Structure formats: C-alpha cells, structure tokens
Amino acid sequence: MSTQDRPRVDLSRFDNSWYVIGAGPVKRVLWYFTNALCFINPLFPFRSVKPALLRLFGARVGKGVVVHPGVNIKFPWKLSIGDHVWIGQRAWLDNIDRLTIHSNVVISQGAMIIQG
C-alpha cells in the first residue's frame, strides 16, 4: 500500500475542550517549580518531605511512601498512592487523568506510566 492510499487523520477536527486539568493557573505554576526543584532534580536531598509536598498539592498519599530522586509527576491532584509504595529513580507518572497506585507496589526506576 502506498502512502497515498493510506487513510489520513484530520487533526483540524481534534477537540479536547472537554478536558479539565483540575487546578488553577497559580497552583499549576507552583507545582511546575516544585516538581522541577524537589522531584525531578536528582540533587534534592530530602526524600522524606516528598510525600508531604504531594499531599500539599492534593495527592492522597499513604504511609511509608518512598519517592526516589528524578521522579516526574504531572498532576499530583489527580494522584492517589497507597501505603508502602516505592517510586524508583527517573520514573515518570504522566497522569493527565486520575491515577491510583495501590499499597505495596514498586514502580521501578525509569518506568513510565501514562494515564489518560
């Protein structure tokens, strides 16, 4: 089949007006910088404050959660993490919709979870 015979996608008809981010512009900007400085940044030394920061931005976070350096989280207000969860280095949680991580789960280093 030649490229001329393939069906084409008409991107001019794309409409995502139904999508709700779930946070105002100030909260999104604050999260952008918090994520960059405290989560993505591998030199941030205070691993124990990361669950509290996630809660501050609306995530539901259980006890015993460990978030290693270099983790990128899209929208914490759409995130729910159970008890005793480990999120490995350089994991990427691209949660444009509600993401639930149940208790006693390990998300390995470099893993990418795309939700939405």
PDB file of N, CA and C in Angstrom:
ATOM      1  N   MET A   1       0.846  -1.171   0.000  1.00  0.00           N
ATOM      2  CA  MET A   1       0.000   0.000   0.000  1.00  0.00           C
ATOM      3  C   MET A   1       0.896   1.239   0.000  1.00  0.00           C
ATOM      4  N   SER A   2       0.692   2.114  -0.913  1.00  0.00           N
ATOM      5  CA  SER A   2       1.490   3.342  -0.975  1.00  0.00           C
ATOM      6  C   SER A   2       0.972   4.346   0.056  1.00  0.00           C
ATOM      7  N   THR A   3       1.786   5.334   0.341  1.00  0.00           N
ATOM      8  CA  THR A   3       1.381   6.347   1.320  1.00  0.00           C
ATOM      9  C   THR A   3       0.175   7.146   0.836  1.00  0.00           C
ATOM     10  N   GLN A   4      -0.024   7.234  -0.433  1.00  0.00           N
ATOM     11  CA  GLN A   4      -1.179   7.974  -0.962  1.00  0.00           C
ATOM     12  C   GLN A   4      -2.481   7.217  -0.719  1.00  0.00           C
ATOM     13  N   ASP A   5      -2.420   5.896  -0.601  1.00  0.00           N
ATOM     14  CA  ASP A   5      -3.621   5.081  -0.405  1.00  0.00           C
ATOM     15  C   ASP A   5      -4.025   4.937   1.063  1.00  0.00           C
ATOM     16  N   ARG A   6      -3.151   5.322   1.969  1.00  0.00           N
ATOM     17  CA  ARG A   6      -3.440   5.167   3.396  1.00  0.00           C
ATOM     18  C   ARG A   6      -4.469   6.199   3.858  1.00  0.00           C
ATOM     19  N   PRO A   7      -5.320   5.807   4.797  1.00  0.00           N
ATOM     20  CA  PRO A   7      -6.256   6.786   5.354  1.00  0.00           C
ATOM     21  C   PRO A   7      -5.492   7.873   6.109  1.00  0.00           C
ATOM     22  N   ARG A   8      -6.010   9.056   6.076  1.00  0.00           N
ATOM     23  CA  ARG A   8      -5.355  10.182   6.743  1.00  0.00           C
ATOM     24  C   ARG A   8      -6.179  10.624   7.947  1.00  0.00           C
ATOM     25  N   VAL A   9      -5.477  11.118   8.939  1.00  0.00           N
ATOM     26  CA  VAL A   9      -6.121  11.643  10.135  1.00  0.00           C
ATOM     27  C   VAL A   9      -6.276  13.148   9.957  1.00  0.00           C
ATOM     28  N   ASP A  10      -7.464  13.646  10.177  1.00  0.00           N
ATOM     29  CA  ASP A  10      -7.732  15.079  10.059  1.00  0.00           C
ATOM     30  C   ASP A  10      -7.609  15.717  11.441  1.00  0.00           C
ATOM     31  N   LEU A  11      -6.423  16.256  11.744  1.00  0.00           N
ATOM     32  CA  LEU A  11      -6.175  16.842  13.060  1.00  0.00           C
ATOM     33  C   LEU A  11      -6.903  18.166  13.260  1.00  0.00           C
ATOM     34  N   SER A  12      -7.411  18.760  12.200  1.00  0.00           N
ATOM     35  CA  SER A  12      -8.169  20.004  12.359  1.00  0.00           C
ATOM     36  C   SER A  12      -9.475  19.760  13.111  1.00  0.00           C
ATOM     37  N   ARG A  13      -9.908  18.516  13.190  1.00  0.00           N
ATOM     38  CA  ARG A  13     -11.150  18.179  13.893  1.00  0.00           C
ATOM     39  C   ARG A  13     -10.909  17.790  15.348  1.00  0.00           C
ATOM     40  N   PHE A  14      -9.654  17.806  15.778  1.00  0.00           N
ATOM     41  CA  PHE A  14      -9.332  17.435  17.157  1.00  0.00           C
ATOM     42  C   PHE A  14      -9.941  18.444  18.127  1.00  0.00           C
ATOM     43  N   ASP A  15     -10.586  17.945  19.173  1.00  0.00           N
ATOM     44  CA  ASP A  15     -11.231  18.812  20.155  1.00  0.00           C
ATOM     45  C   ASP A  15     -11.054  18.210  21.545  1.00  0.00           C
ATOM     46  N   ASN A  16     -10.336  18.924  22.389  1.00  0.00           N
ATOM     47  CA  ASN A  16     -10.189  18.460  23.770  1.00  0.00           C
ATOM     48  C   ASN A  16     -10.774  19.478  24.746  1.00  0.00           C
ATOM     49  N   SER A  17     -11.774  20.200  24.299  1.00  0.00           N
ATOM     50  CA  SER A  17     -12.396  21.217  25.147  1.00  0.00           C
ATOM     51  C   SER A  17     -13.062  20.608  26.381  1.00  0.00           C
ATOM     52  N   TRP A  18     -13.330  19.319  26.360  1.00  0.00           N
ATOM     53  CA  TRP A  18     -13.959  18.622  27.480  1.00  0.00           C
ATOM     54  C   TRP A  18     -12.985  18.395  28.637  1.00  0.00           C
ATOM     55  N   TYR A  19     -11.665  18.482  28.375  1.00  0.00           N
ATOM     56  CA  TYR A  19     -10.665  18.118  29.377  1.00  0.00           C
ATOM     57  C   TYR A  19     -10.559  19.184  30.471  1.00  0.00           C
ATOM     58  N   VAL A  20     -10.544  18.733  31.724  1.00  0.00           N
ATOM     59  CA  VAL A  20     -10.404  19.619  32.878  1.00  0.00           C
ATOM     60  C   VAL A  20      -9.105  19.255  33.595  1.00  0.00           C
ATOM     61  N   ILE A  21      -8.183  20.213  33.699  1.00  0.00           N
ATOM     62  CA  ILE A  21      -6.895  19.956  34.357  1.00  0.00           C
ATOM     63  C   ILE A  21      -7.087  19.722  35.849  1.00  0.00           C
ATOM     64  N   GLY A  22      -8.011  20.435  36.454  1.00  0.00           N
ATOM     65  CA  GLY A  22      -8.305  20.202  37.862  1.00  0.00           C
ATOM     66  C   GLY A  22      -7.592  21.124  38.826  1.00  0.00           C
ATOM     67  N   ALA A  23      -6.873  22.116  38.309  1.00  0.00           N
ATOM     68  CA  ALA A  23      -6.195  23.087  39.166  1.00  0.00           C
ATOM     69  C   ALA A  23      -6.084  24.403  38.409  1.00  0.00           C
ATOM     70  N   GLY A  24      -6.091  25.482  39.162  1.00  0.00           N
ATOM     71  CA  GLY A  24      -5.962  26.801  38.558  1.00  0.00           C
ATOM     72  C   GLY A  24      -4.538  27.084  38.112  1.00  0.00           C
ATOM     73  N   PRO A  25      -4.341  28.194  37.405  1.00  0.00           N
ATOM     74  CA  PRO A  25      -3.014  28.511  36.864  1.00  0.00           C
ATOM     75  C   PRO A  25      -1.947  28.727  37.935  1.00  0.00           C
ATOM     76  N   VAL A  26      -2.303  29.315  39.064  1.00  0.00           N
ATOM     77  CA  VAL A  26      -1.310  29.549  40.123  1.00  0.00           C
ATOM     78  C   VAL A  26      -0.815  28.217  40.685  1.00  0.00           C
ATOM     79  N   LYS A  27      -1.738  27.320  40.975  1.00  0.00           N
ATOM     80  CA  LYS A  27      -1.361  26.002  41.503  1.00  0.00           C
ATOM     81  C   LYS A  27      -0.507  25.238  40.495  1.00  0.00           C
ATOM     82  N   ARG A  28      -0.847  25.325  39.220  1.00  0.00           N
ATOM     83  CA  ARG A  28      -0.072  24.617  38.190  1.00  0.00           C
ATOM     84  C   ARG A  28       1.344  25.164  38.094  1.00  0.00           C
ATOM     85  N   VAL A  29       1.505  26.488  38.163  1.00  0.00           N
ATOM     86  CA  VAL A  29       2.845  27.092  38.107  1.00  0.00           C
ATOM     87  C   VAL A  29       3.645  26.718  39.350  1.00  0.00           C
ATOM     88  N   LEU A  30       3.012  26.792  40.516  1.00  0.00           N
ATOM     89  CA  LEU A  30       3.709  26.394  41.745  1.00  0.00           C
ATOM     90  C   LEU A  30       4.154  24.936  41.680  1.00  0.00           C
ATOM     91  N   TRP A  31       3.290  24.058  41.158  1.00  0.00           N
ATOM     92  CA  TRP A  31       3.670  22.657  41.041  1.00  0.00           C
ATOM     93  C   TRP A  31       4.807  22.480  40.040  1.00  0.00           C
ATOM     94  N   TYR A  32       4.783  23.217  38.945  1.00  0.00           N
ATOM     95  CA  TYR A  32       5.839  23.113  37.938  1.00  0.00           C
ATOM     96  C   TYR A  32       7.210  23.324  38.589  1.00  0.00           C
ATOM     97  N   PHE A  33       7.337  24.377  39.390  1.00  0.00           N
ATOM     98  CA  PHE A  33       8.623  24.668  40.016  1.00  0.00           C
ATOM     99  C   PHE A  33       8.936  23.698  41.159  1.00  0.00           C
ATOM    100  N   THR A  34       7.937  23.305  41.926  1.00  0.00           N
ATOM    101  CA  THR A  34       8.153  22.320  42.994  1.00  0.00           C
ATOM    102  C   THR A  34       8.605  20.990  42.407  1.00  0.00           C
ATOM    103  N   ASN A  35       7.954  20.565  41.339  1.00  0.00           N
ATOM    104  CA  ASN A  35       8.318  19.311  40.668  1.00  0.00           C
ATOM    105  C   ASN A  35       9.756  19.381  40.154  1.00  0.00           C
ATOM    106  N   ALA A  36      10.102  20.503  39.518  1.00  0.00           N
ATOM    107  CA  ALA A  36      11.448  20.657  38.952  1.00  0.00           C
ATOM    108  C   ALA A  36      12.522  20.680  40.039  1.00  0.00           C
ATOM    109  N   LEU A  37      12.270  21.389  41.129  1.00  0.00           N
ATOM    110  CA  LEU A  37      13.288  21.560  42.168  1.00  0.00           C
ATOM    111  C   LEU A  37      13.380  20.390  43.145  1.00  0.00           C
ATOM    112  N   CYS A  38      12.245  19.796  43.488  1.00  0.00           N
ATOM    113  CA  CYS A  38      12.223  18.805  44.569  1.00  0.00           C
ATOM    114  C   CYS A  38      12.039  17.365  44.107  1.00  0.00           C
ATOM    115  N   PHE A  39      11.517  17.159  42.914  1.00  0.00           N
ATOM    116  CA  PHE A  39      11.243  15.800  42.452  1.00  0.00           C
ATOM    117  C   PHE A  39      12.160  15.408  41.290  1.00  0.00           C
ATOM    118  N   ILE A  40      12.144  16.162  40.211  1.00  0.00           N
ATOM    119  CA  ILE A  40      12.966  15.830  39.042  1.00  0.00           C
ATOM    120  C   ILE A  40      14.450  16.013  39.351  1.00  0.00           C
ATOM    121  N   ASN A  41      14.778  17.021  40.117  1.00  0.00           N
ATOM    122  CA  ASN A  41      16.159  17.338  40.473  1.00  0.00           C
ATOM    123  C   ASN A  41      16.782  16.183  41.267  1.00  0.00           C
ATOM    124  N   PRO A  42      17.795  15.516  40.716  1.00  0.00           N
ATOM    125  CA  PRO A  42      18.393  14.375  41.430  1.00  0.00           C
ATOM    126  C   PRO A  42      19.225  14.790  42.643  1.00  0.00           C
ATOM    127  N   LEU A  43      19.505  16.083  42.795  1.00  0.00           N
ATOM    128  CA  LEU A  43      20.329  16.547  43.906  1.00  0.00           C
ATOM    129  C   LEU A  43      19.517  16.962  45.130  1.00  0.00           C
ATOM    130  N   PHE A  44      18.187  16.926  45.035  1.00  0.00           N
ATOM    131  CA  PHE A  44      17.349  17.291  46.187  1.00  0.00           C
ATOM    132  C   PHE A  44      17.510  16.220  47.262  1.00  0.00           C
ATOM    133  N   PRO A  45      18.051  16.580  48.444  1.00  0.00           N
ATOM    134  CA  PRO A  45      18.442  15.559  49.421  1.00  0.00           C
ATOM    135  C   PRO A  45      17.348  15.091  50.382  1.00  0.00           C
ATOM    136  N   PHE A  46      16.186  15.718  50.390  1.00  0.00           N
ATOM    137  CA  PHE A  46      15.193  15.453  51.432  1.00  0.00           C
ATOM    138  C   PHE A  46      14.071  14.558  50.922  1.00  0.00           C
ATOM    139  N   ARG A  47      14.361  13.285  50.811  1.00  0.00           N
ATOM    140  CA  ARG A  47      13.386  12.322  50.294  1.00  0.00           C
ATOM    141  C   ARG A  47      12.147  12.237  51.180  1.00  0.00           C
ATOM    142  N   SER A  48      12.312  12.454  52.467  1.00  0.00           N
ATOM    143  CA  SER A  48      11.196  12.290  53.405  1.00  0.00           C
ATOM    144  C   SER A  48      10.133  13.377  53.278  1.00  0.00           C
ATOM    145  N   VAL A  49      10.443  14.522  52.677  1.00  0.00           N
ATOM    146  CA  VAL A  49       9.445  15.593  52.549  1.00  0.00           C
ATOM    147  C   VAL A  49       8.596  15.453  51.286  1.00  0.00           C
ATOM    148  N   LYS A  50       8.989  14.582  50.383  1.00  0.00           N
ATOM    149  CA  LYS A  50       8.260  14.460  49.116  1.00  0.00           C
ATOM    150  C   LYS A  50       6.804  14.022  49.293  1.00  0.00           C
ATOM    151  N   PRO A  51       6.501  13.030  50.128  1.00  0.00           N
ATOM    152  CA  PRO A  51       5.083  12.700  50.336  1.00  0.00           C
ATOM    153  C   PRO A  51       4.274  13.885  50.877  1.00  0.00           C
ATOM    154  N   ALA A  52       4.869  14.672  51.768  1.00  0.00           N
ATOM    155  CA  ALA A  52       4.172  15.845  52.310  1.00  0.00           C
ATOM    156  C   ALA A  52       3.926  16.883  51.216  1.00  0.00           C
ATOM    157  N   LEU A  53       4.891  17.074  50.337  1.00  0.00           N
ATOM    158  CA  LEU A  53       4.705  18.009  49.222  1.00  0.00           C
ATOM    159  C   LEU A  53       3.593  17.533  48.294  1.00  0.00           C
ATOM    160  N   LEU A  54       3.551  16.236  48.031  1.00  0.00           N
ATOM    161  CA  LEU A  54       2.476  15.703  47.192  1.00  0.00           C
ATOM    162  C   LEU A  54       1.115  15.945  47.842  1.00  0.00           C
ATOM    163  N   ARG A  55       1.028  15.721  49.143  1.00  0.00           N
ATOM    164  CA  ARG A  55      -0.235  15.974  49.858  1.00  0.00           C
ATOM    165  C   ARG A  55      -0.618  17.450  49.782  1.00  0.00           C
ATOM    166  N   LEU A  56       0.378  18.317  49.907  1.00  0.00           N
ATOM    167  CA  LEU A  56       0.141  19.757  49.840  1.00  0.00           C
ATOM    168  C   LEU A  56      -0.507  20.157  48.514  1.00  0.00           C
ATOM    169  N   PHE A  57      -0.169  19.444  47.454  1.00  0.00           N
ATOM    170  CA  PHE A  57      -0.725  19.737  46.132  1.00  0.00           C
ATOM    171  C   PHE A  57      -1.937  18.869  45.794  1.00  0.00           C
ATOM    172  N   GLY A  58      -2.481  18.173  46.780  1.00  0.00           N
ATOM    173  CA  GLY A  58      -3.749  17.484  46.587  1.00  0.00           C
ATOM    174  C   GLY A  58      -3.694  15.989  46.376  1.00  0.00           C
ATOM    175  N   ALA A  59      -2.506  15.393  46.386  1.00  0.00           N
ATOM    176  CA  ALA A  59      -2.406  13.939  46.227  1.00  0.00           C
ATOM    177  C   ALA A  59      -2.840  13.245  47.516  1.00  0.00           C
ATOM    178  N   ARG A  60      -3.380  12.061  47.370  1.00  0.00           N
ATOM    179  CA  ARG A  60      -3.652  11.201  48.521  1.00  0.00           C
ATOM    180  C   ARG A  60      -2.466  10.258  48.636  1.00  0.00           C
ATOM    181  N   VAL A  61      -1.760  10.348  49.743  1.00  0.00           N
ATOM    182  CA  VAL A  61      -0.527   9.577  49.906  1.00  0.00           C
ATOM    183  C   VAL A  61      -0.597   8.804  51.211  1.00  0.00           C
ATOM    184  N   GLY A  62      -0.399   7.492  51.130  1.00  0.00           N
ATOM    185  CA  GLY A  62      -0.418   6.638  52.308  1.00  0.00           C
ATOM    186  C   GLY A  62       0.870   6.741  53.107  1.00  0.00           C
ATOM    187  N   LYS A  63       1.002   5.859  54.082  1.00  0.00           N
ATOM    188  CA  LYS A  63       2.195   5.872  54.935  1.00  0.00           C
ATOM    189  C   LYS A  63       3.291   5.005  54.316  1.00  0.00           C
ATOM    190  N   GLY A  64       4.534   5.346  54.634  1.00  0.00           N
ATOM    191  CA  GLY A  64       5.664   4.564  54.166  1.00  0.00           C
ATOM    192  C   GLY A  64       5.952   4.696  52.683  1.00  0.00           C
ATOM    193  N   VAL A  65       5.548   5.807  52.071  1.00  0.00           N
ATOM    194  CA  VAL A  65       5.784   6.027  50.639  1.00  0.00           C
ATOM    195  C   VAL A  65       7.183   6.604  50.449  1.00  0.00           C
ATOM    196  N   VAL A  66       7.931   6.038  49.506  1.00  0.00           N
ATOM    197  CA  VAL A  66       9.282   6.496  49.188  1.00  0.00           C
ATOM    198  C   VAL A  66       9.311   6.945  47.733  1.00  0.00           C
ATOM    199  N   VAL A  67       9.692   8.203  47.528  1.00  0.00           N
ATOM    200  CA  VAL A  67       9.827   8.748  46.175  1.00  0.00           C
ATOM    201  C   VAL A  67      11.304   9.064  45.971  1.00  0.00           C
ATOM    202  N   HIS A  68      11.954   8.308  45.117  1.00  0.00           N
ATOM    203  CA  HIS A  68      13.383   8.470  44.870  1.00  0.00           C
ATOM    204  C   HIS A  68      13.661   9.687  43.988  1.00  0.00           C
ATOM    205  N   PRO A  69      14.928  10.077  43.839  1.00  0.00           N
ATOM    206  CA  PRO A  69      15.281  11.248  43.034  1.00  0.00           C
ATOM    207  C   PRO A  69      14.941  11.070  41.554  1.00  0.00           C
ATOM    208  N   GLY A  70      14.682  12.189  40.907  1.00  0.00           N
ATOM    209  CA  GLY A  70      14.483  12.199  39.464  1.00  0.00           C
ATOM    210  C   GLY A  70      13.090  11.831  39.008  1.00  0.00           C
ATOM    211  N   VAL A  71      12.137  11.707  39.927  1.00  0.00           N
ATOM    212  CA  VAL A  71      10.769  11.316  39.566  1.00  0.00           C
ATOM    213  C   VAL A  71      10.017  12.535  39.026  1.00  0.00           C
ATOM    214  N   ASN A  72       9.285  12.338  37.946  1.00  0.00           N
ATOM    215  CA  ASN A  72       8.488  13.404  37.334  1.00  0.00           C
ATOM    216  C   ASN A  72       7.010  13.049  37.477  1.00  0.00           C
ATOM    217  N   ILE A  73       6.256  13.925  38.100  1.00  0.00           N
ATOM    218  CA  ILE A  73       4.822  13.702  38.309  1.00  0.00           C
ATOM    219  C   ILE A  73       4.063  14.846  37.663  1.00  0.00           C
ATOM    220  N   LYS A  74       3.141  14.521  36.776  1.00  0.00           N
ATOM    221  CA  LYS A  74       2.410  15.535  36.016  1.00  0.00           C
ATOM    222  C   LYS A  74       1.458  16.347  36.896  1.00  0.00           C
ATOM    223  N   PHE A  75       0.431  15.712  37.442  1.00  0.00           N
ATOM    224  CA  PHE A  75      -0.588  16.414  38.220  1.00  0.00           C
ATOM    225  C   PHE A  75      -0.820  15.684  39.545  1.00  0.00           C
ATOM    226  N   PRO A  76      -0.206  16.128  40.651  1.00  0.00           N
ATOM    227  CA  PRO A  76      -0.383  15.428  41.925  1.00  0.00           C
ATOM    228  C   PRO A  76      -1.826  15.442  42.419  1.00  0.00           C
ATOM    229  N   TRP A  77      -2.606  16.420  42.040  1.00  0.00           N
ATOM    230  CA  TRP A  77      -4.009  16.489  42.475  1.00  0.00           C
ATOM    231  C   TRP A  77      -4.861  15.410  41.821  1.00  0.00           C
ATOM    232  N   LYS A  78      -4.298  14.671  40.874  1.00  0.00           N
ATOM    233  CA  LYS A  78      -5.005  13.538  40.260  1.00  0.00           C
ATOM    234  C   LYS A  78      -4.315  12.218  40.610  1.00  0.00           C
ATOM    235  N   LEU A  79      -3.603  12.203  41.745  1.00  0.00           N
ATOM    236  CA  LEU A  79      -2.792  11.049  42.116  1.00  0.00           C
ATOM    237  C   LEU A  79      -3.202  10.513  43.486  1.00  0.00           C
ATOM    238  N   SER A  80      -3.313   9.203  43.579  1.00  0.00           N
ATOM    239  CA  SER A  80      -3.596   8.530  44.841  1.00  0.00           C
ATOM    240  C   SER A  80      -2.587   7.392  45.005  1.00  0.00           C
ATOM    241  N   ILE A  81      -1.859   7.412  46.125  1.00  0.00           N
ATOM    242  CA  ILE A  81      -0.813   6.418  46.381  1.00  0.00           C
ATOM    243  C   ILE A  81      -1.131   5.711  47.691  1.00  0.00           C
ATOM    244  N   GLY A  82      -1.145   4.387  47.667  1.00  0.00           N
ATOM    245  CA  GLY A  82      -1.418   3.597  48.864  1.00  0.00           C
ATOM    246  C   GLY A  82      -0.233   3.562  49.819  1.00  0.00           C
ATOM    247  N   ASP A  83      -0.293   2.665  50.784  1.00  0.00           N
ATOM    248  CA  ASP A  83       0.760   2.517  51.789  1.00  0.00           C
ATOM    249  C   ASP A  83       1.935   1.710  51.238  1.00  0.00           C
ATOM    250  N   HIS A  84       3.127   2.059  51.709  1.00  0.00           N
ATOM    251  CA  HIS A  84       4.358   1.312  51.435  1.00  0.00           C
ATOM    252  C   HIS A  84       4.607   1.150  49.932  1.00  0.00           C
ATOM    253  N   VAL A  85       4.574   2.268  49.233  1.00  0.00           N
ATOM    254  CA  VAL A  85       4.844   2.307  47.789  1.00  0.00           C
ATOM    255  C   VAL A  85       6.216   2.922  47.582  1.00  0.00           C
ATOM    256  N   TRP A  86       6.991   2.340  46.693  1.00  0.00           N
ATOM    257  CA  TRP A  86       8.282   2.893  46.301  1.00  0.00           C
ATOM    258  C   TRP A  86       8.208   3.300  44.845  1.00  0.00           C
ATOM    259  N   ILE A  87       8.615   4.527  44.564  1.00  0.00           N
ATOM    260  CA  ILE A  87       8.679   5.024  43.187  1.00  0.00           C
ATOM    261  C   ILE A  87      10.151   5.261  42.874  1.00  0.00           C
ATOM    262  N   GLY A  88      10.675   4.504  41.917  1.00  0.00           N
ATOM    263  CA  GLY A  88      12.104   4.487  41.621  1.00  0.00           C
ATOM    264  C   GLY A  88      12.612   5.707  40.877  1.00  0.00           C
ATOM    265  N   GLN A  89      13.937   5.806  40.841  1.00  0.00           N
ATOM    266  CA  GLN A  89      14.601   6.929  40.181  1.00  0.00           C
ATOM    267  C   GLN A  89      14.160   7.064  38.729  1.00  0.00           C
ATOM    268  N   ARG A  90      13.957   8.306  38.333  1.00  0.00           N
ATOM    269  CA  ARG A  90      13.626   8.687  36.949  1.00  0.00           C
ATOM    270  C   ARG A  90      12.299   8.096  36.470  1.00  0.00           C
ATOM    271  N   ALA A  91      11.447   7.643  37.376  1.00  0.00           N
ATOM    272  CA  ALA A  91      10.108   7.199  36.959  1.00  0.00           C
ATOM    273  C   ALA A  91       9.310   8.429  36.540  1.00  0.00           C
ATOM    274  N   TRP A  92       8.409   8.231  35.607  1.00  0.00           N
ATOM    275  CA  TRP A  92       7.597   9.340  35.100  1.00  0.00           C
ATOM    276  C   TRP A  92       6.132   8.945  35.199  1.00  0.00           C
ATOM    277  N   LEU A  93       5.385   9.678  36.020  1.00  0.00           N
ATOM    278  CA  LEU A  93       3.951   9.463  36.159  1.00  0.00           C
ATOM    279  C   LEU A  93       3.250  10.564  35.370  1.00  0.00           C
ATOM    280  N   ASP A  94       2.896  10.261  34.145  1.00  0.00           N
ATOM    281  CA  ASP A  94       2.254  11.234  33.254  1.00  0.00           C
ATOM    282  C   ASP A  94       0.745  11.063  33.386  1.00  0.00           C
ATOM    283  N   ASN A  95       0.225  11.515  34.518  1.00  0.00           N
ATOM    284  CA  ASN A  95      -1.176  11.267  34.869  1.00  0.00           C
ATOM    285  C   ASN A  95      -2.047  12.473  34.518  1.00  0.00           C
ATOM    286  N   ILE A  96      -2.516  12.511  33.287  1.00  0.00           N
ATOM    287  CA  ILE A  96      -3.441  13.584  32.926  1.00  0.00           C
ATOM    288  C   ILE A  96      -4.864  13.240  33.349  1.00  0.00           C
ATOM    289  N   ASP A  97      -5.053  12.046  33.860  1.00  0.00           N
ATOM    290  CA  ASP A  97      -6.326  11.639  34.453  1.00  0.00           C
ATOM    291  C   ASP A  97      -6.016  10.977  35.796  1.00  0.00           C
ATOM    292  N   ARG A  98      -7.015  10.608  36.521  1.00  0.00           N
ATOM    293  CA  ARG A  98      -6.856  10.022  37.854  1.00  0.00           C
ATOM    294  C   ARG A  98      -5.977   8.766  37.798  1.00  0.00           C
ATOM    295  N   LEU A  99      -4.952   8.730  38.641  1.00  0.00           N
ATOM    296  CA  LEU A  99      -4.046   7.584  38.714  1.00  0.00           C
ATOM    297  C   LEU A  99      -4.022   7.083  40.149  1.00  0.00           C
ATOM    298  N   THR A 100      -4.305   5.798  40.328  1.00  0.00           N
ATOM    299  CA  THR A 100      -4.269   5.174  41.650  1.00  0.00           C
ATOM    300  C   THR A 100      -3.185   4.110  41.656  1.00  0.00           C
ATOM    301  N   ILE A 101      -2.273   4.236  42.613  1.00  0.00           N
ATOM    302  CA  ILE A 101      -1.236   3.235  42.836  1.00  0.00           C
ATOM    303  C   ILE A 101      -1.580   2.578  44.169  1.00  0.00           C
ATOM    304  N   HIS A 102      -1.911   1.312  44.147  1.00  0.00           N
ATOM    305  CA  HIS A 102      -2.355   0.610  45.353  1.00  0.00           C
ATOM    306  C   HIS A 102      -1.183   0.333  46.292  1.00  0.00           C
ATOM    307  N   SER A 103      -1.469  -0.128  47.479  1.00  0.00           N
ATOM    308  CA  SER A 103      -0.456  -0.390  48.503  1.00  0.00           C
ATOM    309  C   SER A 103       0.503  -1.504  48.085  1.00  0.00           C
ATOM    310  N   ASN A 104       1.723  -1.431  48.636  1.00  0.00           N
ATOM    311  CA  ASN A 104       2.768  -2.439  48.442  1.00  0.00           C
ATOM    312  C   ASN A 104       3.130  -2.628  46.977  1.00  0.00           C
ATOM    313  N   VAL A 105       3.312  -1.514  46.284  1.00  0.00           N
ATOM    314  CA  VAL A 105       3.674  -1.526  44.865  1.00  0.00           C
ATOM    315  C   VAL A 105       5.033  -0.861  44.700  1.00  0.00           C
ATOM    316  N   VAL A 106       5.844  -1.401  43.802  1.00  0.00           N
ATOM    317  CA  VAL A 106       7.104  -0.777  43.410  1.00  0.00           C
ATOM    318  C   VAL A 106       6.990  -0.369  41.954  1.00  0.00           C
ATOM    319  N   ILE A 107       7.236   0.896  41.680  1.00  0.00           N
ATOM    320  CA  ILE A 107       7.357   1.372  40.303  1.00  0.00           C
ATOM    321  C   ILE A 107       8.851   1.514  40.069  1.00  0.00           C
ATOM    322  N   SER A 108       9.386   0.689  39.212  1.00  0.00           N
ATOM    323  CA  SER A 108      10.828   0.580  39.047  1.00  0.00           C
ATOM    324  C   SER A 108      11.432   1.831  38.419  1.00  0.00           C
ATOM    325  N   GLN A 109      12.741   1.966  38.590  1.00  0.00           N
ATOM    326  CA  GLN A 109      13.446   3.116  38.047  1.00  0.00           C
ATOM    327  C   GLN A 109      13.282   3.181  36.530  1.00  0.00           C
ATOM    328  N   GLY A 110      13.061   4.392  36.040  1.00  0.00           N
ATOM    329  CA  GLY A 110      12.921   4.605  34.608  1.00  0.00           C
ATOM    330  C   GLY A 110      11.571   4.211  34.036  1.00  0.00           C
ATOM    331  N   ALA A 111      10.658   3.719  34.869  1.00  0.00           N
ATOM    332  CA  ALA A 111       9.337   3.318  34.366  1.00  0.00           C
ATOM    333  C   ALA A 111       8.533   4.549  33.967  1.00  0.00           C
ATOM    334  N   MET A 112       7.690   4.379  32.972  1.00  0.00           N
ATOM    335  CA  MET A 112       6.806   5.456  32.540  1.00  0.00           C
ATOM    336  C   MET A 112       5.372   4.954  32.606  1.00  0.00           C
ATOM    337  N   ILE A 113       4.535   5.677  33.335  1.00  0.00           N
ATOM    338  CA  ILE A 113       3.116   5.350  33.420  1.00  0.00           C
ATOM    339  C   ILE A 113       2.347   6.504  32.804  1.00  0.00           C
ATOM    340  N   ILE A 114       1.603   6.208  31.761  1.00  0.00           N
ATOM    341  CA  ILE A 114       0.817   7.227  31.077  1.00  0.00           C
ATOM    342  C   ILE A 114      -0.649   6.917  31.330  1.00  0.00           C
ATOM    343  N   GLN A 115      -1.329   7.839  31.956  1.00  0.00           N
ATOM    344  CA  GLN A 115      -2.735   7.651  32.315  1.00  0.00           C
ATOM    345  C   GLN A 115      -3.553   8.788  31.732  1.00  0.00           C
ATOM    346  N   GLY A 116      -4.573   8.447  30.993  1.00  0.00           N
ATOM    347  CA  GLY A 116      -5.459   9.495  30.493  1.00  0.00           C
ATOM    348  C   GLY A 116      -5.750   9.375  29.038  1.00  0.00           C
TER     349      GLY A 116
END
